[in-house]
Amino acid sequence: MKAMADLQATDFPGVDSVRFDAWKQASLEAQRKTWWVLPLMLAAIVAVFFLVQGFVGAALIIGVAGVGGMLISGPANRAAKEAGITRNMVRQARR
């Protein structure tokens, strides 16, 4: 399986190479920023526990941090849409 960094515009027929480069850069940047997603998901489980136990303030703080994680992937998703790149295309190219 190819790594994201190894993908080339030629792997995506019909996709403009300039838009492909913008998408690839945004995707790699999102990957670098999401190293903390797994710990945050575990923190979300703790937040639910706090919420059930009545500690609403702690649950709210952890929930707000989770929204920040979703914002990280926004630029990559927009760039993919502009370039016309779909998830299926990425799966095919990485094989």
PDB file of N, CA and C in Angstrom:
ATOM      1  N   MET A   1       0.848  -1.180   0.000  1.00  0.00           N
ATOM      2  CA  MET A   1       0.000   0.000   0.000  1.00  0.00           C
ATOM      3  C   MET A   1       0.891   1.240   0.000  1.00  0.00           C
ATOM      4  N   LYS A   2       0.576   2.174  -0.871  1.00  0.00           N
ATOM      5  CA  LYS A   2       1.330   3.419  -0.958  1.00  0.00           C
ATOM      6  C   LYS A   2       0.999   4.322   0.222  1.00  0.00           C
ATOM      7  N   ALA A   3       2.012   5.021   0.676  1.00  0.00           N
ATOM      8  CA  ALA A   3       1.792   6.042   1.696  1.00  0.00           C
ATOM      9  C   ALA A   3       1.221   7.286   1.035  1.00  0.00           C
ATOM     10  N   MET A   4       0.580   8.114   1.801  1.00  0.00           N
ATOM     11  CA  MET A   4      -0.004   9.341   1.268  1.00  0.00           C
ATOM     12  C   MET A   4       1.065  10.203   0.583  1.00  0.00           C
ATOM     13  N   ALA A   5       2.244  10.268   1.157  1.00  0.00           N
ATOM     14  CA  ALA A   5       3.312  11.090   0.594  1.00  0.00           C
ATOM     15  C   ALA A   5       3.782  10.574  -0.765  1.00  0.00           C
ATOM     16  N   ASP A   6       3.554   9.299  -1.070  1.00  0.00           N
ATOM     17  CA  ASP A   6       4.009   8.706  -2.331  1.00  0.00           C
ATOM     18  C   ASP A   6       3.002   8.860  -3.471  1.00  0.00           C
ATOM     19  N   LEU A   7       1.810   9.342  -3.194  1.00  0.00           N
ATOM     20  CA  LEU A   7       0.808   9.499  -4.246  1.00  0.00           C
ATOM     21  C   LEU A   7       1.216  10.607  -5.208  1.00  0.00           C
ATOM     22  N   GLN A   8       0.905  10.414  -6.476  1.00  0.00           N
ATOM     23  CA  GLN A   8       1.211  11.382  -7.523  1.00  0.00           C
ATOM     24  C   GLN A   8      -0.073  11.767  -8.247  1.00  0.00           C
ATOM     25  N   ALA A   9      -0.039  12.890  -8.930  1.00  0.00           N
ATOM     26  CA  ALA A   9      -1.209  13.343  -9.685  1.00  0.00           C
ATOM     27  C   ALA A   9      -1.582  12.341 -10.762  1.00  0.00           C
ATOM     28  N   THR A  10      -0.616  11.604 -11.285  1.00  0.00           N
ATOM     29  CA  THR A  10      -0.899  10.619 -12.331  1.00  0.00           C
ATOM     30  C   THR A  10      -1.709   9.438 -11.812  1.00  0.00           C
ATOM     31  N   ASP A  11      -1.749   9.262 -10.490  1.00  0.00           N
ATOM     32  CA  ASP A  11      -2.563   8.199  -9.890  1.00  0.00           C
ATOM     33  C   ASP A  11      -4.051   8.534  -9.943  1.00  0.00           C
ATOM     34  N   PHE A  12      -4.390   9.778 -10.270  1.00  0.00           N
ATOM     35  CA  PHE A  12      -5.767  10.257 -10.271  1.00  0.00           C
ATOM     36  C   PHE A  12      -6.109  10.810 -11.653  1.00  0.00           C
ATOM     37  N   PRO A  13      -6.524   9.947 -12.568  1.00  0.00           N
ATOM     38  CA  PRO A  13      -6.829  10.417 -13.918  1.00  0.00           C
ATOM     39  C   PRO A  13      -7.953  11.449 -13.918  1.00  0.00           C
ATOM     40  N   GLY A  14      -7.751  12.491 -14.696  1.00  0.00           N
ATOM     41  CA  GLY A  14      -8.776  13.523 -14.817  1.00  0.00           C
ATOM     42  C   GLY A  14      -8.733  14.591 -13.745  1.00  0.00           C
ATOM     43  N   VAL A  15      -7.769  14.503 -12.819  1.00  0.00           N
ATOM     44  CA  VAL A  15      -7.671  15.486 -11.745  1.00  0.00           C
ATOM     45  C   VAL A  15      -6.549  16.469 -12.078  1.00  0.00           C
ATOM     46  N   ASP A  16      -6.843  17.760 -11.969  1.00  0.00           N
ATOM     47  CA  ASP A  16      -5.869  18.803 -12.231  1.00  0.00           C
ATOM     48  C   ASP A  16      -4.694  18.670 -11.263  1.00  0.00           C
ATOM     49  N   SER A  17      -3.463  18.714 -11.790  1.00  0.00           N
ATOM     50  CA  SER A  17      -2.285  18.489 -10.952  1.00  0.00           C
ATOM     51  C   SER A  17      -2.097  19.584  -9.907  1.00  0.00           C
ATOM     52  N   VAL A  18      -2.463  20.822 -10.214  1.00  0.00           N
ATOM     53  CA  VAL A  18      -2.333  21.906  -9.240  1.00  0.00           C
ATOM     54  C   VAL A  18      -3.294  21.685  -8.078  1.00  0.00           C
ATOM     55  N   ARG A  19      -4.527  21.312  -8.394  1.00  0.00           N
ATOM     56  CA  ARG A  19      -5.497  21.037  -7.325  1.00  0.00           C
ATOM     57  C   ARG A  19      -5.110  19.780  -6.551  1.00  0.00           C
ATOM     58  N   PHE A  20      -4.538  18.791  -7.245  1.00  0.00           N
ATOM     59  CA  PHE A  20      -4.069  17.592  -6.558  1.00  0.00           C
ATOM     60  C   PHE A  20      -2.993  17.960  -5.540  1.00  0.00           C
ATOM     61  N   ASP A  21      -2.051  18.796  -5.954  1.00  0.00           N
ATOM     62  CA  ASP A  21      -0.971  19.201  -5.046  1.00  0.00           C
ATOM     63  C   ASP A  21      -1.521  19.933  -3.818  1.00  0.00           C
ATOM     64  N   ALA A  22      -2.529  20.779  -4.025  1.00  0.00           N
ATOM     65  CA  ALA A  22      -3.147  21.490  -2.894  1.00  0.00           C
ATOM     66  C   ALA A  22      -3.819  20.501  -1.951  1.00  0.00           C
ATOM     67  N   TRP A  23      -4.517  19.511  -2.523  1.00  0.00           N
ATOM     68  CA  TRP A  23      -5.171  18.503  -1.692  1.00  0.00           C
ATOM     69  C   TRP A  23      -4.149  17.670  -0.918  1.00  0.00           C
ATOM     70  N   LYS A  24      -3.086  17.252  -1.614  1.00  0.00           N
ATOM     71  CA  LYS A  24      -2.072  16.421  -0.970  1.00  0.00           C
ATOM     72  C   LYS A  24      -1.410  17.176   0.183  1.00  0.00           C
ATOM     73  N   GLN A  25      -1.073  18.443  -0.039  1.00  0.00           N
ATOM     74  CA  GLN A  25      -0.450  19.250   1.009  1.00  0.00           C
ATOM     75  C   GLN A  25      -1.386  19.395   2.207  1.00  0.00           C
ATOM     76  N   ALA A  26      -2.658  19.684   1.950  1.00  0.00           N
ATOM     77  CA  ALA A  26      -3.629  19.840   3.037  1.00  0.00           C
ATOM     78  C   ALA A  26      -3.827  18.524   3.779  1.00  0.00           C
ATOM     79  N   SER A  27      -3.829  17.407   3.056  1.00  0.00           N
ATOM     80  CA  SER A  27      -4.013  16.098   3.694  1.00  0.00           C
ATOM     81  C   SER A  27      -2.820  15.731   4.566  1.00  0.00           C
ATOM     82  N   LEU A  28      -1.622  15.978   4.062  1.00  0.00           N
ATOM     83  CA  LEU A  28      -0.430  15.680   4.857  1.00  0.00           C
ATOM     84  C   LEU A  28      -0.365  16.552   6.100  1.00  0.00           C
ATOM     85  N   GLU A  29      -0.765  17.815   5.961  1.00  0.00           N
ATOM     86  CA  GLU A  29      -0.793  18.711   7.121  1.00  0.00           C
ATOM     87  C   GLU A  29      -1.809  18.224   8.155  1.00  0.00           C
ATOM     88  N   ALA A  30      -2.975  17.766   7.689  1.00  0.00           N
ATOM     89  CA  ALA A  30      -3.991  17.244   8.613  1.00  0.00           C
ATOM     90  C   ALA A  30      -3.478  15.999   9.320  1.00  0.00           C
ATOM     91  N   GLN A  31      -2.736  15.141   8.608  1.00  0.00           N
ATOM     92  CA  GLN A  31      -2.172  13.943   9.241  1.00  0.00           C
ATOM     93  C   GLN A  31      -1.192  14.323  10.336  1.00  0.00           C
ATOM     94  N   ARG A  32      -0.372  15.348  10.069  1.00  0.00           N
ATOM     95  CA  ARG A  32       0.602  15.775  11.083  1.00  0.00           C
ATOM     96  C   ARG A  32      -0.082  16.345  12.319  1.00  0.00           C
ATOM     97  N   LYS A  33      -1.226  16.979  12.113  1.00  0.00           N
ATOM     98  CA  LYS A  33      -1.919  17.609  13.236  1.00  0.00           C
ATOM     99  C   LYS A  33      -2.788  16.645  14.024  1.00  0.00           C
ATOM    100  N   THR A  34      -3.060  15.468  13.496  1.00  0.00           N
ATOM    101  CA  THR A  34      -4.014  14.574  14.165  1.00  0.00           C
ATOM    102  C   THR A  34      -3.348  13.505  15.009  1.00  0.00           C
ATOM    103  N   TRP A  35      -2.109  13.659  15.371  1.00  0.00           N
ATOM    104  CA  TRP A  35      -1.435  12.671  16.204  1.00  0.00           C
ATOM    105  C   TRP A  35      -2.112  12.540  17.561  1.00  0.00           C
ATOM    106  N   TRP A  36      -2.869  13.517  17.949  1.00  0.00           N
ATOM    107  CA  TRP A  36      -3.501  13.521  19.270  1.00  0.00           C
ATOM    108  C   TRP A  36      -4.953  13.074  19.238  1.00  0.00           C
ATOM    109  N   VAL A  37      -5.447  12.623  18.102  1.00  0.00           N
ATOM    110  CA  VAL A  37      -6.863  12.266  18.000  1.00  0.00           C
ATOM    111  C   VAL A  37      -7.220  11.066  18.882  1.00  0.00           C
ATOM    112  N   LEU A  38      -6.384  10.034  18.882  1.00  0.00           N
ATOM    113  CA  LEU A  38      -6.698   8.853  19.699  1.00  0.00           C
ATOM    114  C   LEU A  38      -6.783   9.198  21.186  1.00  0.00           C
ATOM    115  N   PRO A  39      -5.794   9.914  21.717  1.00  0.00           N
ATOM    116  CA  PRO A  39      -5.962  10.301  23.129  1.00  0.00           C
ATOM    117  C   PRO A  39      -7.204  11.150  23.368  1.00  0.00           C
ATOM    118  N   LEU A  40      -7.563  11.967  22.381  1.00  0.00           N
ATOM    119  CA  LEU A  40      -8.757  12.789  22.538  1.00  0.00           C
ATOM    120  C   LEU A  40     -10.014  11.932  22.538  1.00  0.00           C
ATOM    121  N   MET A  41     -10.031  10.883  21.726  1.00  0.00           N
ATOM    122  CA  MET A  41     -11.179   9.977  21.719  1.00  0.00           C
ATOM    123  C   MET A  41     -11.313   9.287  23.079  1.00  0.00           C
ATOM    124  N   LEU A  42     -10.183   8.899  23.638  1.00  0.00           N
ATOM    125  CA  LEU A  42     -10.226   8.308  24.973  1.00  0.00           C
ATOM    126  C   LEU A  42     -10.720   9.335  25.994  1.00  0.00           C
ATOM    127  N   ALA A  43     -10.305  10.577  25.805  1.00  0.00           N
ATOM    128  CA  ALA A  43     -10.773  11.640  26.696  1.00  0.00           C
ATOM    129  C   ALA A  43     -12.281  11.830  26.564  1.00  0.00           C
ATOM    130  N   ALA A  44     -12.817  11.625  25.355  1.00  0.00           N
ATOM    131  CA  ALA A  44     -14.263  11.747  25.163  1.00  0.00           C
ATOM    132  C   ALA A  44     -15.005  10.693  25.985  1.00  0.00           C
ATOM    133  N   ILE A  45     -14.431   9.509  26.065  1.00  0.00           N
ATOM    134  CA  ILE A  45     -15.047   8.462  26.890  1.00  0.00           C
ATOM    135  C   ILE A  45     -15.063   8.898  28.352  1.00  0.00           C
ATOM    136  N   VAL A  46     -13.950   9.506  28.780  1.00  0.00           N
ATOM    137  CA  VAL A  46     -13.885  10.013  30.155  1.00  0.00           C
ATOM    138  C   VAL A  46     -14.913  11.132  30.345  1.00  0.00           C
ATOM    139  N   ALA A  47     -15.081  11.968  29.308  1.00  0.00           N
ATOM    140  CA  ALA A  47     -16.054  13.065  29.399  1.00  0.00           C
ATOM    141  C   ALA A  47     -17.461  12.527  29.599  1.00  0.00           C
ATOM    142  N   VAL A  48     -17.799  11.459  28.897  1.00  0.00           N
ATOM    143  CA  VAL A  48     -19.124  10.853  29.069  1.00  0.00           C
ATOM    144  C   VAL A  48     -19.274  10.350  30.500  1.00  0.00           C
ATOM    145  N   PHE A  49     -18.210   9.735  31.014  1.00  0.00           N
ATOM    146  CA  PHE A  49     -18.253   9.274  32.405  1.00  0.00           C
ATOM    147  C   PHE A  49     -18.503  10.447  33.345  1.00  0.00           C
ATOM    148  N   PHE A  50     -17.770  11.573  33.133  1.00  0.00           N
ATOM    149  CA  PHE A  50     -17.956  12.753  33.975  1.00  0.00           C
ATOM    150  C   PHE A  50     -19.388  13.275  33.864  1.00  0.00           C
ATOM    151  N   LEU A  51     -19.920  13.273  32.644  1.00  0.00           N
ATOM    152  CA  LEU A  51     -21.269  13.773  32.437  1.00  0.00           C
ATOM    153  C   LEU A  51     -22.281  12.912  33.188  1.00  0.00           C
ATOM    154  N   VAL A  52     -22.104  11.596  33.117  1.00  0.00           N
ATOM    155  CA  VAL A  52     -23.009  10.682  33.814  1.00  0.00           C
ATOM    156  C   VAL A  52     -22.909  10.875  35.327  1.00  0.00           C
ATOM    157  N   GLN A  53     -21.704  11.163  35.793  1.00  0.00           N
ATOM    158  CA  GLN A  53     -21.503  11.345  37.225  1.00  0.00           C
ATOM    159  C   GLN A  53     -21.923  12.733  37.715  1.00  0.00           C
ATOM    160  N   GLY A  54     -22.254  13.641  36.784  1.00  0.00           N
ATOM    161  CA  GLY A  54     -22.724  14.965  37.179  1.00  0.00           C
ATOM    162  C   GLY A  54     -21.679  16.049  37.080  1.00  0.00           C
ATOM    163  N   PHE A  55     -20.483  15.755  36.544  1.00  0.00           N
ATOM    164  CA  PHE A  55     -19.439  16.762  36.395  1.00  0.00           C
ATOM    165  C   PHE A  55     -19.552  17.387  34.998  1.00  0.00           C
ATOM    166  N   VAL A  56     -20.528  18.245  34.819  1.00  0.00           N
ATOM    167  CA  VAL A  56     -20.846  18.818  33.508  1.00  0.00           C
ATOM    168  C   VAL A  56     -19.710  19.693  33.004  1.00  0.00           C
ATOM    169  N   GLY A  57     -19.061  20.444  33.870  1.00  0.00           N
ATOM    170  CA  GLY A  57     -17.982  21.350  33.451  1.00  0.00           C
ATOM    171  C   GLY A  57     -16.834  20.602  32.789  1.00  0.00           C
ATOM    172  N   ALA A  58     -16.384  19.498  33.371  1.00  0.00           N
ATOM    173  CA  ALA A  58     -15.291  18.714  32.792  1.00  0.00           C
ATOM    174  C   ALA A  58     -15.709  18.125  31.448  1.00  0.00           C
ATOM    175  N   ALA A  59     -16.927  17.647  31.351  1.00  0.00           N
ATOM    176  CA  ALA A  59     -17.415  17.070  30.096  1.00  0.00           C
ATOM    177  C   ALA A  59     -17.485  18.137  29.008  1.00  0.00           C
ATOM    178  N   LEU A  60     -17.887  19.345  29.360  1.00  0.00           N
ATOM    179  CA  LEU A  60     -17.983  20.436  28.389  1.00  0.00           C
ATOM    180  C   LEU A  60     -16.610  20.822  27.852  1.00  0.00           C
ATOM    181  N   ILE A  61     -15.622  20.914  28.701  1.00  0.00           N
ATOM    182  CA  ILE A  61     -14.261  21.275  28.275  1.00  0.00           C
ATOM    183  C   ILE A  61     -13.707  20.232  27.306  1.00  0.00           C
ATOM    184  N   ILE A  62     -13.876  18.981  27.622  1.00  0.00           N
ATOM    185  CA  ILE A  62     -13.366  17.918  26.752  1.00  0.00           C
ATOM    186  C   ILE A  62     -14.144  17.892  25.434  1.00  0.00           C
ATOM    187  N   GLY A  63     -15.425  18.159  25.455  1.00  0.00           N
ATOM    188  CA  GLY A  63     -16.223  18.197  24.230  1.00  0.00           C
ATOM    189  C   GLY A  63     -15.809  19.322  23.298  1.00  0.00           C
ATOM    190  N   VAL A  64     -15.481  20.480  23.849  1.00  0.00           N
ATOM    191  CA  VAL A  64     -15.025  21.611  23.035  1.00  0.00           C
ATOM    192  C   VAL A  64     -13.703  21.259  22.353  1.00  0.00           C
ATOM    193  N   ALA A  65     -12.829  20.560  23.045  1.00  0.00           N
ATOM    194  CA  ALA A  65     -11.562  20.138  22.449  1.00  0.00           C
ATOM    195  C   ALA A  65     -11.815  19.185  21.276  1.00  0.00           C
ATOM    196  N   GLY A  66     -12.835  18.367  21.364  1.00  0.00           N
ATOM    197  CA  GLY A  66     -13.168  17.447  20.283  1.00  0.00           C
ATOM    198  C   GLY A  66     -13.593  18.168  19.011  1.00  0.00           C
ATOM    199  N   VAL A  67     -14.266  19.287  19.150  1.00  0.00           N
ATOM    200  CA  VAL A  67     -14.654  20.078  17.983  1.00  0.00           C
ATOM    201  C   VAL A  67     -13.412  20.599  17.272  1.00  0.00           C
ATOM    202  N   GLY A  68     -12.376  20.944  18.024  1.00  0.00           N
ATOM    203  CA  GLY A  68     -11.118  21.392  17.416  1.00  0.00           C
ATOM    204  C   GLY A  68     -10.520  20.325  16.521  1.00  0.00           C
ATOM    205  N   GLY A  69     -10.647  19.068  16.901  1.00  0.00           N
ATOM    206  CA  GLY A  69     -10.136  17.975  16.080  1.00  0.00           C
ATOM    207  C   GLY A  69     -10.854  17.876  14.751  1.00  0.00           C
ATOM    208  N   MET A  70     -12.144  18.152  14.735  1.00  0.00           N
ATOM    209  CA  MET A  70     -12.894  18.112  13.484  1.00  0.00           C
ATOM    210  C   MET A  70     -12.497  19.261  12.565  1.00  0.00           C
ATOM    211  N   LEU A  71     -12.138  20.407  13.131  1.00  0.00           N
ATOM    212  CA  LEU A  71     -11.756  21.560  12.327  1.00  0.00           C
ATOM    213  C   LEU A  71     -10.439  21.342  11.589  1.00  0.00           C
ATOM    214  N   ILE A  72      -9.589  20.481  12.112  1.00  0.00           N
ATOM    215  CA  ILE A  72      -8.289  20.227  11.485  1.00  0.00           C
ATOM    216  C   ILE A  72      -8.450  19.620  10.104  1.00  0.00           C
ATOM    217  N   SER A  73      -9.394  18.728   9.936  1.00  0.00           N
ATOM    218  CA  SER A  73      -9.549  18.041   8.650  1.00  0.00           C
ATOM    219  C   SER A  73     -10.314  18.867   7.617  1.00  0.00           C
ATOM    220  N   GLY A  74     -10.848  20.000   7.983  1.00  0.00           N
ATOM    221  CA  GLY A  74     -11.623  20.833   7.076  1.00  0.00           C
ATOM    222  C   GLY A  74     -10.890  21.244   5.805  1.00  0.00           C
ATOM    223  N   PRO A  75      -9.679  21.822   5.894  1.00  0.00           N
ATOM    224  CA  PRO A  75      -8.978  22.239   4.673  1.00  0.00           C
ATOM    225  C   PRO A  75      -8.714  21.087   3.711  1.00  0.00           C
ATOM    226  N   ALA A  76      -8.368  19.932   4.211  1.00  0.00           N
ATOM    227  CA  ALA A  76      -8.109  18.779   3.339  1.00  0.00           C
ATOM    228  C   ALA A  76      -9.394  18.338   2.647  1.00  0.00           C
ATOM    229  N   ASN A  77     -10.497  18.354   3.360  1.00  0.00           N
ATOM    230  CA  ASN A  77     -11.775  17.967   2.756  1.00  0.00           C
ATOM    231  C   ASN A  77     -12.207  18.950   1.672  1.00  0.00           C
ATOM    232  N   ARG A  78     -12.022  20.250   1.924  1.00  0.00           N
ATOM    233  CA  ARG A  78     -12.361  21.256   0.908  1.00  0.00           C
ATOM    234  C   ARG A  78     -11.482  21.106  -0.328  1.00  0.00           C
ATOM    235  N   ALA A  79     -10.179  20.888  -0.118  1.00  0.00           N
ATOM    236  CA  ALA A  79      -9.257  20.737  -1.250  1.00  0.00           C
ATOM    237  C   ALA A  79      -9.610  19.503  -2.075  1.00  0.00           C
ATOM    238  N   ALA A  80     -10.010  18.416  -1.411  1.00  0.00           N
ATOM    239  CA  ALA A  80     -10.400  17.201  -2.136  1.00  0.00           C
ATOM    240  C   ALA A  80     -11.647  17.465  -2.966  1.00  0.00           C
ATOM    241  N   LYS A  81     -12.582  18.182  -2.404  1.00  0.00           N
ATOM    242  CA  LYS A  81     -13.826  18.487  -3.137  1.00  0.00           C
ATOM    243  C   LYS A  81     -13.533  19.356  -4.354  1.00  0.00           C
ATOM    244  N   GLU A  82     -12.672  20.368  -4.182  1.00  0.00           N
ATOM    245  CA  GLU A  82     -12.324  21.245  -5.293  1.00  0.00           C
ATOM    246  C   GLU A  82     -11.589  20.492  -6.397  1.00  0.00           C
ATOM    247  N   ALA A  83     -10.748  19.534  -6.020  1.00  0.00           N
ATOM    248  CA  ALA A  83      -9.973  18.768  -7.002  1.00  0.00           C
ATOM    249  C   ALA A  83     -10.791  17.653  -7.629  1.00  0.00           C
ATOM    250  N   GLY A  84     -11.925  17.312  -7.023  1.00  0.00           N
ATOM    251  CA  GLY A  84     -12.738  16.215  -7.539  1.00  0.00           C
ATOM    252  C   GLY A  84     -12.214  14.857  -7.114  1.00  0.00           C
ATOM    253  N   ILE A  85     -11.503  14.823  -6.001  1.00  0.00           N
ATOM    254  CA  ILE A  85     -10.930  13.575  -5.495  1.00  0.00           C
ATOM    255  C   ILE A  85     -11.896  12.967  -4.485  1.00  0.00           C
ATOM    256  N   THR A  86     -12.239  11.696  -4.701  1.00  0.00           N
ATOM    257  CA  THR A  86     -13.144  10.997  -3.790  1.00  0.00           C
ATOM    258  C   THR A  86     -12.356   9.985  -2.955  1.00  0.00           C
ATOM    259  N   ARG A  87     -12.974   9.491  -1.910  1.00  0.00           N
ATOM    260  CA  ARG A  87     -12.316   8.473  -1.072  1.00  0.00           C
ATOM    261  C   ARG A  87     -12.018   7.211  -1.869  1.00  0.00           C
ATOM    262  N   ASN A  88     -12.927   6.850  -2.768  1.00  0.00           N
ATOM    263  CA  ASN A  88     -12.690   5.662  -3.596  1.00  0.00           C
ATOM    264  C   ASN A  88     -11.469   5.842  -4.479  1.00  0.00           C
ATOM    265  N   MET A  89     -11.280   7.044  -5.007  1.00  0.00           N
ATOM    266  CA  MET A  89     -10.108   7.316  -5.835  1.00  0.00           C
ATOM    267  C   MET A  89      -8.821   7.170  -5.020  1.00  0.00           C
ATOM    268  N   VAL A  90      -8.854   7.636  -3.795  1.00  0.00           N
ATOM    269  CA  VAL A  90      -7.675   7.539  -2.926  1.00  0.00           C
ATOM    270  C   VAL A  90      -7.393   6.075  -2.611  1.00  0.00           C
ATOM    271  N   ARG A  91      -8.437   5.299  -2.308  1.00  0.00           N
ATOM    272  CA  ARG A  91      -8.251   3.872  -2.025  1.00  0.00           C
ATOM    273  C   ARG A  91      -7.622   3.160  -3.222  1.00  0.00           C
ATOM    274  N   GLN A  92      -8.121   3.447  -4.413  1.00  0.00           N
ATOM    275  CA  GLN A  92      -7.599   2.811  -5.625  1.00  0.00           C
ATOM    276  C   GLN A  92      -6.129   3.197  -5.839  1.00  0.00           C
ATOM    277  N   ALA A  93      -5.795   4.463  -5.646  1.00  0.00           N
ATOM    278  CA  ALA A  93      -4.441   4.926  -5.895  1.00  0.00           C
ATOM    279  C   ALA A  93      -3.441   4.369  -4.875  1.00  0.00           C
ATOM    280  N   ARG A  94      -3.897   4.099  -3.666  1.00  0.00           N
ATOM    281  CA  ARG A  94      -2.986   3.604  -2.625  1.00  0.00           C
ATOM    282  C   ARG A  94      -2.746   2.122  -2.713  1.00  0.00           C
ATOM    283  N   ARG A  95      -3.467   1.395  -3.560  1.00  0.00           N
ATOM    284  CA  ARG A  95      -3.270  -0.053  -3.687  1.00  0.00           C
ATOM    285  C   ARG A  95      -1.989  -0.385  -4.359  1.00  0.00           C
TER     286      ARG A  95
END
